[in-house]
Amino acid sequence: MHILILYLTLIRNRVNTPEHNGKVERLHRTVEEECLWRVPREQQNSLQAVNYALTQHTLWYNSKRRHLGYKMNKLTPQQKIEDWIINNQTSPEFSGEVNETLILYIIASSQNDCNPLGS
């Protein structure tokens, strides 16, 4: 329903075509290399231990790890989003919304036909 309201198009990839989903596949590889490979062997079958490792990695990845991707300028994703929000005004119809950050992000993506994070 939100897709129709914001005039976004949902595009699904065909099964077994990782070349169409390169950014997500690269993220999966990064998570494996930087996080899952470091979970001790005796804990790899523990859902709780793996979830804990993934949570810690996600927090670090988004708030501490500097990114070298397109237009990231060695900023963290959190810094990039905060910078964009500070430098862009909210539409009056969305001011005061609990999910204002997400709304700003979605509006920017649809208006600019690109990702404000630069990826």
PDB file of N, CA and C in Angstrom:
ATOM      1  N   MET A   1       0.814  -1.184   0.000  1.00  0.00           N
ATOM      2  CA  MET A   1       0.000   0.000   0.000  1.00  0.00           C
ATOM      3  C   MET A   1       0.862   1.254   0.000  1.00  0.00           C
ATOM      4  N   HIS A   2       1.933   1.277   0.802  1.00  0.00           N
ATOM      5  CA  HIS A   2       2.806   2.441   0.844  1.00  0.00           C
ATOM      6  C   HIS A   2       3.526   2.639  -0.478  1.00  0.00           C
ATOM      7  N   ILE A   3       3.797   1.559  -1.172  1.00  0.00           N
ATOM      8  CA  ILE A   3       4.472   1.655  -2.464  1.00  0.00           C
ATOM      9  C   ILE A   3       3.623   2.456  -3.439  1.00  0.00           C
ATOM     10  N   LEU A   4       2.327   2.212  -3.458  1.00  0.00           N
ATOM     11  CA  LEU A   4       1.434   2.943  -4.344  1.00  0.00           C
ATOM     12  C   LEU A   4       1.328   4.407  -3.944  1.00  0.00           C
ATOM     13  N   ILE A   5       1.274   4.680  -2.653  1.00  0.00           N
ATOM     14  CA  ILE A   5       1.143   6.052  -2.173  1.00  0.00           C
ATOM     15  C   ILE A   5       2.370   6.876  -2.553  1.00  0.00           C
ATOM     16  N   LEU A   6       3.551   6.321  -2.444  1.00  0.00           N
ATOM     17  CA  LEU A   6       4.782   7.057  -2.711  1.00  0.00           C
ATOM     18  C   LEU A   6       5.260   6.905  -4.155  1.00  0.00           C
ATOM     19  N   TYR A   7       4.471   6.248  -4.987  1.00  0.00           N
ATOM     20  CA  TYR A   7       4.794   6.071  -6.399  1.00  0.00           C
ATOM     21  C   TYR A   7       6.118   5.353  -6.607  1.00  0.00           C
ATOM     22  N   LEU A   8       6.396   4.376  -5.764  1.00  0.00           N
ATOM     23  CA  LEU A   8       7.593   3.567  -5.908  1.00  0.00           C
ATOM     24  C   LEU A   8       7.249   2.312  -6.684  1.00  0.00           C
ATOM     25  N   THR A   9       8.233   1.775  -7.367  1.00  0.00           N
ATOM     26  CA  THR A   9       8.034   0.556  -8.128  1.00  0.00           C
ATOM     27  C   THR A   9       8.795  -0.572  -7.449  1.00  0.00           C
ATOM     28  N   LEU A  10       8.111  -1.672  -7.218  1.00  0.00           N
ATOM     29  CA  LEU A  10       8.742  -2.850  -6.643  1.00  0.00           C
ATOM     30  C   LEU A  10       9.248  -3.724  -7.784  1.00  0.00           C
ATOM     31  N   ILE A  11      10.547  -3.999  -7.778  1.00  0.00           N
ATOM     32  CA  ILE A  11      11.144  -4.835  -8.812  1.00  0.00           C
ATOM     33  C   ILE A  11      11.697  -6.077  -8.144  1.00  0.00           C
ATOM     34  N   ARG A  12      11.271  -7.227  -8.595  1.00  0.00           N
ATOM     35  CA  ARG A  12      11.758  -8.490  -8.033  1.00  0.00           C
ATOM     36  C   ARG A  12      12.769  -9.112  -8.996  1.00  0.00           C
ATOM     37  N   ASN A  13      13.802  -9.702  -8.425  1.00  0.00           N
ATOM     38  CA  ASN A  13      14.806 -10.395  -9.223  1.00  0.00           C
ATOM     39  C   ASN A  13      14.352 -11.818  -9.505  1.00  0.00           C
ATOM     40  N   ARG A  14      14.791 -12.337 -10.640  1.00  0.00           N
ATOM     41  CA  ARG A  14      14.508 -13.740 -10.938  1.00  0.00           C
ATOM     42  C   ARG A  14      15.353 -14.619 -10.022  1.00  0.00           C
ATOM     43  N   VAL A  15      14.876 -15.793  -9.761  1.00  0.00           N
ATOM     44  CA  VAL A  15      15.585 -16.759  -8.925  1.00  0.00           C
ATOM     45  C   VAL A  15      16.888 -17.157  -9.614  1.00  0.00           C
ATOM     46  N   ASN A  16      17.937 -17.358  -8.821  1.00  0.00           N
ATOM     47  CA  ASN A  16      19.259 -17.791  -9.299  1.00  0.00           C
ATOM     48  C   ASN A  16      19.911 -16.810 -10.255  1.00  0.00           C
ATOM     49  N   THR A  17      19.742 -15.509 -10.008  1.00  0.00           N
ATOM     50  CA  THR A  17      20.418 -14.478 -10.806  1.00  0.00           C
ATOM     51  C   THR A  17      21.108 -13.485  -9.872  1.00  0.00           C
ATOM     52  N   PRO A  18      22.184 -13.914  -9.197  1.00  0.00           N
ATOM     53  CA  PRO A  18      22.848 -13.030  -8.244  1.00  0.00           C
ATOM     54  C   PRO A  18      23.433 -11.778  -8.896  1.00  0.00           C
ATOM     55  N   GLU A  19      23.700 -11.820 -10.196  1.00  0.00           N
ATOM     56  CA  GLU A  19      24.247 -10.636 -10.855  1.00  0.00           C
ATOM     57  C   GLU A  19      23.249  -9.481 -10.871  1.00  0.00           C
ATOM     58  N   HIS A  20      21.967  -9.781 -10.685  1.00  0.00           N
ATOM     59  CA  HIS A  20      20.951  -8.730 -10.629  1.00  0.00           C
ATOM     60  C   HIS A  20      20.794  -8.175  -9.218  1.00  0.00           C
ATOM     61  N   ASN A  21      21.450  -8.781  -8.285  1.00  0.00           N
ATOM     62  CA  ASN A  21      21.291  -8.427  -6.881  1.00  0.00           C
ATOM     63  C   ASN A  21      22.662  -8.220  -6.234  1.00  0.00           C
ATOM     64  N   GLY A  22      23.577  -7.631  -6.967  1.00  0.00           N
ATOM     65  CA  GLY A  22      24.972  -7.540  -6.557  1.00  0.00           C
ATOM     66  C   GLY A  22      25.210  -6.862  -5.220  1.00  0.00           C
ATOM     67  N   LYS A  23      24.501  -5.762  -4.953  1.00  0.00           N
ATOM     68  CA  LYS A  23      24.730  -5.028  -3.704  1.00  0.00           C
ATOM     69  C   LYS A  23      24.331  -5.863  -2.494  1.00  0.00           C
ATOM     70  N   VAL A  24      23.231  -6.558  -2.596  1.00  0.00           N
ATOM     71  CA  VAL A  24      22.785  -7.392  -1.487  1.00  0.00           C
ATOM     72  C   VAL A  24      23.730  -8.577  -1.315  1.00  0.00           C
ATOM     73  N   GLU A  25      24.143  -9.175  -2.428  1.00  0.00           N
ATOM     74  CA  GLU A  25      25.072 -10.305  -2.350  1.00  0.00           C
ATOM     75  C   GLU A  25      26.391  -9.865  -1.724  1.00  0.00           C
ATOM     76  N   ARG A  26      26.850  -8.659  -2.040  1.00  0.00           N
ATOM     77  CA  ARG A  26      28.094  -8.151  -1.469  1.00  0.00           C
ATOM     78  C   ARG A  26      27.931  -7.930   0.036  1.00  0.00           C
ATOM     79  N   LEU A  27      26.772  -7.431   0.450  1.00  0.00           N
ATOM     80  CA  LEU A  27      26.526  -7.255   1.875  1.00  0.00           C
ATOM     81  C   LEU A  27      26.542  -8.601   2.587  1.00  0.00           C
ATOM     82  N   HIS A  28      25.933  -9.601   1.974  1.00  0.00           N
ATOM     83  CA  HIS A  28      25.946 -10.940   2.571  1.00  0.00           C
ATOM     84  C   HIS A  28      27.384 -11.428   2.757  1.00  0.00           C
ATOM     85  N   ARG A  29      28.209 -11.212   1.754  1.00  0.00           N
ATOM     86  CA  ARG A  29      29.615 -11.651   1.847  1.00  0.00           C
ATOM     87  C   ARG A  29      30.344 -10.888   2.955  1.00  0.00           C
ATOM     88  N   THR A  30      30.090  -9.579   3.038  1.00  0.00           N
ATOM     89  CA  THR A  30      30.730  -8.764   4.069  1.00  0.00           C
ATOM     90  C   THR A  30      30.331  -9.244   5.464  1.00  0.00           C
ATOM     91  N   VAL A  31      29.046  -9.530   5.657  1.00  0.00           N
ATOM     92  CA  VAL A  31      28.577 -10.015   6.960  1.00  0.00           C
ATOM     93  C   VAL A  31      29.232 -11.351   7.282  1.00  0.00           C
ATOM     94  N   GLU A  32      29.335 -12.222   6.310  1.00  0.00           N
ATOM     95  CA  GLU A  32      29.997 -13.509   6.553  1.00  0.00           C
ATOM     96  C   GLU A  32      31.451 -13.310   6.959  1.00  0.00           C
ATOM     97  N   GLU A  33      32.179 -12.478   6.185  1.00  0.00           N
ATOM     98  CA  GLU A  33      33.608 -12.302   6.430  1.00  0.00           C
ATOM     99  C   GLU A  33      33.900 -11.542   7.712  1.00  0.00           C
ATOM    100  N   GLU A  34      33.125 -10.491   7.997  1.00  0.00           N
ATOM    101  CA  GLU A  34      33.423  -9.632   9.137  1.00  0.00           C
ATOM    102  C   GLU A  34      32.736 -10.072  10.425  1.00  0.00           C
ATOM    103  N   CYS A  35      31.739 -10.939  10.318  1.00  0.00           N
ATOM    104  CA  CYS A  35      30.971 -11.296  11.506  1.00  0.00           C
ATOM    105  C   CYS A  35      30.891 -12.798  11.734  1.00  0.00           C
ATOM    106  N   LEU A  36      30.258 -13.496  10.815  1.00  0.00           N
ATOM    107  CA  LEU A  36      29.942 -14.909  11.059  1.00  0.00           C
ATOM    108  C   LEU A  36      31.173 -15.792  11.143  1.00  0.00           C
ATOM    109  N   TRP A  37      32.226 -15.467  10.387  1.00  0.00           N
ATOM    110  CA  TRP A  37      33.437 -16.278  10.457  1.00  0.00           C
ATOM    111  C   TRP A  37      34.114 -16.150  11.820  1.00  0.00           C
ATOM    112  N   ARG A  38      33.774 -15.105  12.574  1.00  0.00           N
ATOM    113  CA  ARG A  38      34.408 -14.870  13.871  1.00  0.00           C
ATOM    114  C   ARG A  38      33.658 -15.501  15.038  1.00  0.00           C
ATOM    115  N   VAL A  39      32.471 -16.046  14.765  1.00  0.00           N
ATOM    116  CA  VAL A  39      31.726 -16.732  15.820  1.00  0.00           C
ATOM    117  C   VAL A  39      32.459 -18.047  16.100  1.00  0.00           C
ATOM    118  N   PRO A  40      32.822 -18.294  17.357  1.00  0.00           N
ATOM    119  CA  PRO A  40      33.550 -19.533  17.669  1.00  0.00           C
ATOM    120  C   PRO A  40      32.777 -20.766  17.207  1.00  0.00           C
ATOM    121  N   ARG A  41      33.517 -21.752  16.739  1.00  0.00           N
ATOM    122  CA  ARG A  41      32.921 -22.966  16.179  1.00  0.00           C
ATOM    123  C   ARG A  41      31.907 -23.616  17.130  1.00  0.00           C
ATOM    124  N   GLU A  42      32.226 -23.639  18.415  1.00  0.00           N
ATOM    125  CA  GLU A  42      31.321 -24.289  19.369  1.00  0.00           C
ATOM    126  C   GLU A  42      30.020 -23.508  19.568  1.00  0.00           C
ATOM    127  N   GLN A  43      29.973 -22.249  19.113  1.00  0.00           N
ATOM    128  CA  GLN A  43      28.755 -21.435  19.254  1.00  0.00           C
ATOM    129  C   GLN A  43      27.983 -21.276  17.938  1.00  0.00           C
ATOM    130  N   GLN A  44      28.493 -21.813  16.850  1.00  0.00           N
ATOM    131  CA  GLN A  44      27.860 -21.598  15.555  1.00  0.00           C
ATOM    132  C   GLN A  44      26.483 -22.242  15.437  1.00  0.00           C
ATOM    133  N   ASN A  45      26.171 -23.216  16.251  1.00  0.00           N
ATOM    134  CA  ASN A  45      24.853 -23.847  16.228  1.00  0.00           C
ATOM    135  C   ASN A  45      23.883 -23.223  17.222  1.00  0.00           C
ATOM    136  N   SER A  46      24.339 -22.215  17.934  1.00  0.00           N
ATOM    137  CA  SER A  46      23.487 -21.531  18.908  1.00  0.00           C
ATOM    138  C   SER A  46      22.859 -20.302  18.254  1.00  0.00           C
ATOM    139  N   LEU A  47      21.539 -20.342  18.085  1.00  0.00           N
ATOM    140  CA  LEU A  47      20.831 -19.216  17.480  1.00  0.00           C
ATOM    141  C   LEU A  47      21.038 -17.944  18.289  1.00  0.00           C
ATOM    142  N   GLN A  48      21.051 -18.058  19.586  1.00  0.00           N
ATOM    143  CA  GLN A  48      21.242 -16.903  20.456  1.00  0.00           C
ATOM    144  C   GLN A  48      22.625 -16.281  20.244  1.00  0.00           C
ATOM    145  N   ALA A  49      23.661 -17.087  20.145  1.00  0.00           N
ATOM    146  CA  ALA A  49      25.019 -16.577  19.947  1.00  0.00           C
ATOM    147  C   ALA A  49      25.171 -15.914  18.579  1.00  0.00           C
ATOM    148  N   VAL A  50      24.597 -16.522  17.558  1.00  0.00           N
ATOM    149  CA  VAL A  50      24.688 -15.962  16.210  1.00  0.00           C
ATOM    150  C   VAL A  50      23.892 -14.658  16.121  1.00  0.00           C
ATOM    151  N   ASN A  51      22.687 -14.639  16.701  1.00  0.00           N
ATOM    152  CA  ASN A  51      21.889 -13.409  16.715  1.00  0.00           C
ATOM    153  C   ASN A  51      22.615 -12.284  17.446  1.00  0.00           C
ATOM    154  N   TYR A  52      23.258 -12.612  18.560  1.00  0.00           N
ATOM    155  CA  TYR A  52      24.022 -11.616  19.303  1.00  0.00           C
ATOM    156  C   TYR A  52      25.156 -11.057  18.441  1.00  0.00           C
ATOM    157  N   ALA A  53      25.889 -11.938  17.778  1.00  0.00           N
ATOM    158  CA  ALA A  53      26.995 -11.500  16.914  1.00  0.00           C
ATOM    159  C   ALA A  53      26.485 -10.618  15.770  1.00  0.00           C
ATOM    160  N   LEU A  54      25.366 -11.011  15.165  1.00  0.00           N
ATOM    161  CA  LEU A  54      24.797 -10.215  14.067  1.00  0.00           C
ATOM    162  C   LEU A  54      24.327  -8.847  14.550  1.00  0.00           C
ATOM    163  N   THR A  55      23.718  -8.800  15.719  1.00  0.00           N
ATOM    164  CA  THR A  55      23.268  -7.524  16.274  1.00  0.00           C
ATOM    165  C   THR A  55      24.448  -6.600  16.541  1.00  0.00           C
ATOM    166  N   GLN A  56      25.490  -7.133  17.167  1.00  0.00           N
ATOM    167  CA  GLN A  56      26.679  -6.326  17.442  1.00  0.00           C
ATOM    168  C   GLN A  56      27.331  -5.842  16.150  1.00  0.00           C
ATOM    169  N   HIS A  57      27.412  -6.720  15.162  1.00  0.00           N
ATOM    170  CA  HIS A  57      28.010  -6.349  13.885  1.00  0.00           C
ATOM    171  C   HIS A  57      27.195  -5.276  13.184  1.00  0.00           C
ATOM    172  N   THR A  58      25.874  -5.405  13.195  1.00  0.00           N
ATOM    173  CA  THR A  58      25.013  -4.422  12.532  1.00  0.00           C
ATOM    174  C   THR A  58      25.163  -3.048  13.171  1.00  0.00           C
ATOM    175  N   LEU A  59      25.205  -3.005  14.495  1.00  0.00           N
ATOM    176  CA  LEU A  59      25.406  -1.721  15.175  1.00  0.00           C
ATOM    177  C   LEU A  59      26.745  -1.103  14.785  1.00  0.00           C
ATOM    178  N   TRP A  60      27.791  -1.897  14.804  1.00  0.00           N
ATOM    179  CA  TRP A  60      29.117  -1.409  14.427  1.00  0.00           C
ATOM    180  C   TRP A  60      29.156  -0.988  12.957  1.00  0.00           C
ATOM    181  N   TYR A  61      28.590  -1.813  12.082  1.00  0.00           N
ATOM    182  CA  TYR A  61      28.620  -1.571  10.642  1.00  0.00           C
ATOM    183  C   TYR A  61      27.942  -0.250  10.291  1.00  0.00           C
ATOM    184  N   ASN A  62      26.829   0.065  10.943  1.00  0.00           N
ATOM    185  CA  ASN A  62      26.068   1.262  10.603  1.00  0.00           C
ATOM    186  C   ASN A  62      26.505   2.518  11.348  1.00  0.00           C
ATOM    187  N   SER A  63      27.181   2.359  12.496  1.00  0.00           N
ATOM    188  CA  SER A  63      27.508   3.552  13.271  1.00  0.00           C
ATOM    189  C   SER A  63      29.002   3.825  13.441  1.00  0.00           C
ATOM    190  N   LYS A  64      29.839   2.835  13.232  1.00  0.00           N
ATOM    191  CA  LYS A  64      31.286   3.026  13.437  1.00  0.00           C
ATOM    192  C   LYS A  64      32.131   2.789  12.178  1.00  0.00           C
ATOM    193  N   ARG A  65      31.742   1.840  11.357  1.00  0.00           N
ATOM    194  CA  ARG A  65      32.543   1.454  10.188  1.00  0.00           C
ATOM    195  C   ARG A  65      32.405   2.487   9.084  1.00  0.00           C
ATOM    196  N   ARG A  66      33.504   3.078   8.694  1.00  0.00           N
ATOM    197  CA  ARG A  66      33.493   4.066   7.616  1.00  0.00           C
ATOM    198  C   ARG A  66      33.407   3.326   6.284  1.00  0.00           C
ATOM    199  N   HIS A  67      32.585   3.855   5.391  1.00  0.00           N
ATOM    200  CA  HIS A  67      32.322   3.191   4.119  1.00  0.00           C
ATOM    201  C   HIS A  67      32.998   3.925   2.971  1.00  0.00           C
ATOM    202  N   LEU A  68      33.480   3.154   2.006  1.00  0.00           N
ATOM    203  CA  LEU A  68      34.175   3.713   0.854  1.00  0.00           C
ATOM    204  C   LEU A  68      33.319   3.675  -0.409  1.00  0.00           C
ATOM    205  N   GLY A  69      32.040   3.363  -0.274  1.00  0.00           N
ATOM    206  CA  GLY A  69      31.149   3.263  -1.426  1.00  0.00           C
ATOM    207  C   GLY A  69      30.927   4.601  -2.112  1.00  0.00           C
ATOM    208  N   TYR A  70      30.243   4.527  -3.230  1.00  0.00           N
ATOM    209  CA  TYR A  70      29.949   5.696  -4.053  1.00  0.00           C
ATOM    210  C   TYR A  70      29.285   6.801  -3.236  1.00  0.00           C
ATOM    211  N   LYS A  71      29.891   7.971  -3.212  1.00  0.00           N
ATOM    212  CA  LYS A  71      29.413   9.176  -2.518  1.00  0.00           C
ATOM    213  C   LYS A  71      29.323   9.032  -1.002  1.00  0.00           C
ATOM    214  N   MET A  72      30.008   8.056  -0.436  1.00  0.00           N
ATOM    215  CA  MET A  72      29.970   7.904   1.025  1.00  0.00           C
ATOM    216  C   MET A  72      31.024   8.787   1.704  1.00  0.00           C
ATOM    217  N   ASN A  73      32.103   9.116   1.005  1.00  0.00           N
ATOM    218  CA  ASN A  73      33.138  10.008   1.533  1.00  0.00           C
ATOM    219  C   ASN A  73      33.658   9.579   2.904  1.00  0.00           C
ATOM    220  N   LYS A  74      33.826   8.268   3.080  1.00  0.00           N
ATOM    221  CA  LYS A  74      34.346   7.688   4.319  1.00  0.00           C
ATOM    222  C   LYS A  74      33.467   7.978   5.528  1.00  0.00           C
ATOM    223  N   LEU A  75      32.176   8.198   5.313  1.00  0.00           N
ATOM    224  CA  LEU A  75      31.233   8.384   6.406  1.00  0.00           C
ATOM    225  C   LEU A  75      30.596   7.047   6.759  1.00  0.00           C
ATOM    226  N   THR A  76      30.056   6.957   7.957  1.00  0.00           N
ATOM    227  CA  THR A  76      29.265   5.789   8.312  1.00  0.00           C
ATOM    228  C   THR A  76      27.864   5.983   7.728  1.00  0.00           C
ATOM    229  N   PRO A  77      27.083   4.917   7.546  1.00  0.00           N
ATOM    230  CA  PRO A  77      25.709   5.095   7.071  1.00  0.00           C
ATOM    231  C   PRO A  77      24.902   6.017   7.986  1.00  0.00           C
ATOM    232  N   GLN A  78      25.096   5.908   9.282  1.00  0.00           N
ATOM    233  CA  GLN A  78      24.378   6.768  10.217  1.00  0.00           C
ATOM    234  C   GLN A  78      24.734   8.236   9.977  1.00  0.00           C
ATOM    235  N   GLN A  79      26.023   8.545   9.791  1.00  0.00           N
ATOM    236  CA  GLN A  79      26.446   9.917   9.530  1.00  0.00           C
ATOM    237  C   GLN A  79      25.862  10.428   8.216  1.00  0.00           C
ATOM    238  N   LYS A  80      25.840   9.578   7.204  1.00  0.00           N
ATOM    239  CA  LYS A  80      25.316   9.972   5.896  1.00  0.00           C
ATOM    240  C   LYS A  80      23.830  10.316   5.975  1.00  0.00           C
ATOM    241  N   ILE A  81      23.056   9.479   6.665  1.00  0.00           N
ATOM    242  CA  ILE A  81      21.628   9.731   6.814  1.00  0.00           C
ATOM    243  C   ILE A  81      21.395  10.993   7.647  1.00  0.00           C
ATOM    244  N   GLU A  82      22.111  11.134   8.757  1.00  0.00           N
ATOM    245  CA  GLU A  82      21.936  12.318   9.597  1.00  0.00           C
ATOM    246  C   GLU A  82      22.295  13.591   8.837  1.00  0.00           C
ATOM    247  N   ASP A  83      23.362  13.555   8.070  1.00  0.00           N
ATOM    248  CA  ASP A  83      23.762  14.706   7.261  1.00  0.00           C
ATOM    249  C   ASP A  83      22.670  15.065   6.256  1.00  0.00           C
ATOM    250  N   TRP A  84      22.103  14.058   5.622  1.00  0.00           N
ATOM    251  CA  TRP A  84      21.058  14.319   4.641  1.00  0.00           C
ATOM    252  C   TRP A  84      19.827  14.918   5.304  1.00  0.00           C
ATOM    253  N   ILE A  85      19.421  14.384   6.452  1.00  0.00           N
ATOM    254  CA  ILE A  85      18.228  14.879   7.150  1.00  0.00           C
ATOM    255  C   ILE A  85      18.423  16.319   7.604  1.00  0.00           C
ATOM    256  N   ILE A  86      19.599  16.624   8.122  1.00  0.00           N
ATOM    257  CA  ILE A  86      19.876  17.990   8.581  1.00  0.00           C
ATOM    258  C   ILE A  86      19.804  18.981   7.420  1.00  0.00           C
ATOM    259  N   ASN A  87      20.243  18.573   6.257  1.00  0.00           N
ATOM    260  CA  ASN A  87      20.306  19.481   5.109  1.00  0.00           C
ATOM    261  C   ASN A  87      19.075  19.454   4.215  1.00  0.00           C
ATOM    262  N   ASN A  88      18.016  18.757   4.602  1.00  0.00           N
ATOM    263  CA  ASN A  88      16.790  18.689   3.812  1.00  0.00           C
ATOM    264  C   ASN A  88      15.590  18.921   4.715  1.00  0.00           C
ATOM    265  N   GLN A  89      14.604  19.609   4.183  1.00  0.00           N
ATOM    266  CA  GLN A  89      13.405  19.936   4.953  1.00  0.00           C
ATOM    267  C   GLN A  89      12.348  18.844   4.811  1.00  0.00           C
ATOM    268  N   THR A  90      11.611  18.631   5.875  1.00  0.00           N
ATOM    269  CA  THR A  90      10.504  17.696   5.861  1.00  0.00           C
ATOM    270  C   THR A  90       9.301  18.368   5.224  1.00  0.00           C
ATOM    271  N   SER A  91       8.548  17.630   4.447  1.00  0.00           N
ATOM    272  CA  SER A  91       7.289  18.122   3.907  1.00  0.00           C
ATOM    273  C   SER A  91       6.341  18.367   5.073  1.00  0.00           C
ATOM    274  N   PRO A  92       5.594  19.481   5.063  1.00  0.00           N
ATOM    275  CA  PRO A  92       4.687  19.776   6.184  1.00  0.00           C
ATOM    276  C   PRO A  92       3.701  18.648   6.479  1.00  0.00           C
ATOM    277  N   GLU A  93       3.305  17.897   5.466  1.00  0.00           N
ATOM    278  CA  GLU A  93       2.340  16.824   5.699  1.00  0.00           C
ATOM    279  C   GLU A  93       2.903  15.695   6.551  1.00  0.00           C
ATOM    280  N   PHE A  94       4.252  15.585   6.663  1.00  0.00           N
ATOM    281  CA  PHE A  94       4.861  14.517   7.441  1.00  0.00           C
ATOM    282  C   PHE A  94       5.510  15.001   8.729  1.00  0.00           C
ATOM    283  N   SER A  95       5.489  16.293   9.014  1.00  0.00           N
ATOM    284  CA  SER A  95       6.173  16.793  10.209  1.00  0.00           C
ATOM    285  C   SER A  95       5.512  16.214  11.456  1.00  0.00           C
ATOM    286  N   GLY A  96       6.334  15.861  12.416  1.00  0.00           N
ATOM    287  CA  GLY A  96       5.845  15.281  13.651  1.00  0.00           C
ATOM    288  C   GLY A  96       5.607  13.786  13.595  1.00  0.00           C
ATOM    289  N   GLU A  97       5.840  13.172  12.453  1.00  0.00           N
ATOM    290  CA  GLU A  97       5.650  11.726  12.321  1.00  0.00           C
ATOM    291  C   GLU A  97       6.717  10.993  13.122  1.00  0.00           C
ATOM    292  N   VAL A  98       6.356   9.876  13.702  1.00  0.00           N
ATOM    293  CA  VAL A  98       7.300   9.059  14.452  1.00  0.00           C
ATOM    294  C   VAL A  98       8.390   8.542  13.524  1.00  0.00           C
ATOM    295  N   ASN A  99       8.014   8.161  12.305  1.00  0.00           N
ATOM    296  CA  ASN A  99       8.966   7.604  11.344  1.00  0.00           C
ATOM    297  C   ASN A  99       9.469   8.660  10.367  1.00  0.00           C
ATOM    298  N   GLU A 100       9.683   9.874  10.856  1.00  0.00           N
ATOM    299  CA  GLU A 100      10.091  10.971   9.977  1.00  0.00           C
ATOM    300  C   GLU A 100      11.394  10.667   9.244  1.00  0.00           C
ATOM    301  N   THR A 101      12.346  10.040   9.898  1.00  0.00           N
ATOM    302  CA  THR A 101      13.609   9.707   9.249  1.00  0.00           C
ATOM    303  C   THR A 101      13.383   8.786   8.062  1.00  0.00           C
ATOM    304  N   LEU A 102      12.594   7.745   8.259  1.00  0.00           N
ATOM    305  CA  LEU A 102      12.307   6.818   7.179  1.00  0.00           C
ATOM    306  C   LEU A 102      11.525   7.505   6.070  1.00  0.00           C
ATOM    307  N   ILE A 103      10.573   8.342   6.428  1.00  0.00           N
ATOM    308  CA  ILE A 103       9.779   9.059   5.426  1.00  0.00           C
ATOM    309  C   ILE A 103      10.682   9.965   4.593  1.00  0.00           C
ATOM    310  N   LEU A 104      11.575  10.697   5.242  1.00  0.00           N
ATOM    311  CA  LEU A 104      12.507  11.562   4.509  1.00  0.00           C
ATOM    312  C   LEU A 104      13.357  10.742   3.538  1.00  0.00           C
ATOM    313  N   TYR A 105      13.825   9.608   4.005  1.00  0.00           N
ATOM    314  CA  TYR A 105      14.666   8.741   3.187  1.00  0.00           C
ATOM    315  C   TYR A 105      13.908   8.246   1.962  1.00  0.00           C
ATOM    316  N   ILE A 106      12.673   7.795   2.161  1.00  0.00           N
ATOM    317  CA  ILE A 106      11.867   7.273   1.053  1.00  0.00           C
ATOM    318  C   ILE A 106      11.518   8.374   0.067  1.00  0.00           C
ATOM    319  N   ILE A 107      11.165   9.549   0.565  1.00  0.00           N
ATOM    320  CA  ILE A 107      10.827  10.668  -0.321  1.00  0.00           C
ATOM    321  C   ILE A 107      12.037  11.050  -1.154  1.00  0.00           C
ATOM    322  N   ALA A 108      13.199  11.142  -0.537  1.00  0.00           N
ATOM    323  CA  ALA A 108      14.402  11.521  -1.281  1.00  0.00           C
ATOM    324  C   ALA A 108      14.713  10.495  -2.354  1.00  0.00           C
ATOM    325  N   SER A 109      14.576   9.231  -2.005  1.00  0.00           N
ATOM    326  CA  SER A 109      14.862   8.178  -2.976  1.00  0.00           C
ATOM    327  C   SER A 109      13.936   8.269  -4.170  1.00  0.00           C
ATOM    328  N   SER A 110      12.660   8.530  -3.928  1.00  0.00           N
ATOM    329  CA  SER A 110      11.701   8.561  -5.031  1.00  0.00           C
ATOM    330  C   SER A 110      11.817   9.843  -5.844  1.00  0.00           C
ATOM    331  N   GLN A 111      12.094  10.977  -5.209  1.00  0.00           N
ATOM    332  CA  GLN A 111      12.192  12.242  -5.933  1.00  0.00           C
ATOM    333  C   GLN A 111      13.469  12.338  -6.757  1.00  0.00           C
ATOM    334  N   ASN A 112      14.563  11.864  -6.189  1.00  0.00           N
ATOM    335  CA  ASN A 112      15.854  11.964  -6.860  1.00  0.00           C
ATOM    336  C   ASN A 112      16.142  10.765  -7.731  1.00  0.00           C
ATOM    337  N   ASP A 113      15.257   9.784  -7.671  1.00  0.00           N
ATOM    338  CA  ASP A 113      15.447   8.530  -8.398  1.00  0.00           C
ATOM    339  C   ASP A 113      16.799   7.922  -8.086  1.00  0.00           C
ATOM    340  N   CYS A 114      17.237   8.122  -6.845  1.00  0.00           N
ATOM    341  CA  CYS A 114      18.498   7.526  -6.396  1.00  0.00           C
ATOM    342  C   CYS A 114      18.427   7.356  -4.902  1.00  0.00           C
ATOM    343  N   ASN A 115      19.413   6.712  -4.370  1.00  0.00           N
ATOM    344  CA  ASN A 115      19.505   6.463  -2.955  1.00  0.00           C
ATOM    345  C   ASN A 115      20.267   7.614  -2.317  1.00  0.00           C
ATOM    346  N   PRO A 116      19.695   8.330  -1.309  1.00  0.00           N
ATOM    347  CA  PRO A 116      20.415   9.419  -0.693  1.00  0.00           C
ATOM    348  C   PRO A 116      21.678   8.999   0.017  1.00  0.00           C
ATOM    349  N   LEU A 117      21.826   7.709   0.272  1.00  0.00           N
ATOM    350  CA  LEU A 117      23.047   7.221   0.879  1.00  0.00           C
ATOM    351  C   LEU A 117      24.162   7.098  -0.142  1.00  0.00           C
ATOM    352  N   GLY A 118      23.827   7.177  -1.405  1.00  0.00           N
ATOM    353  CA  GLY A 118      24.838   7.119  -2.445  1.00  0.00           C
ATOM    354  C   GLY A 118      25.284   5.730  -2.816  1.00  0.00           C
ATOM    355  N   SER A 119      24.561   4.705  -2.429  1.00  0.00           N
ATOM    356  CA  SER A 119      24.983   3.349  -2.790  1.00  0.00           C
ATOM    357  C   SER A 119      24.215   2.848  -3.980  1.00  0.00           C
TER     358      SER A 119
END
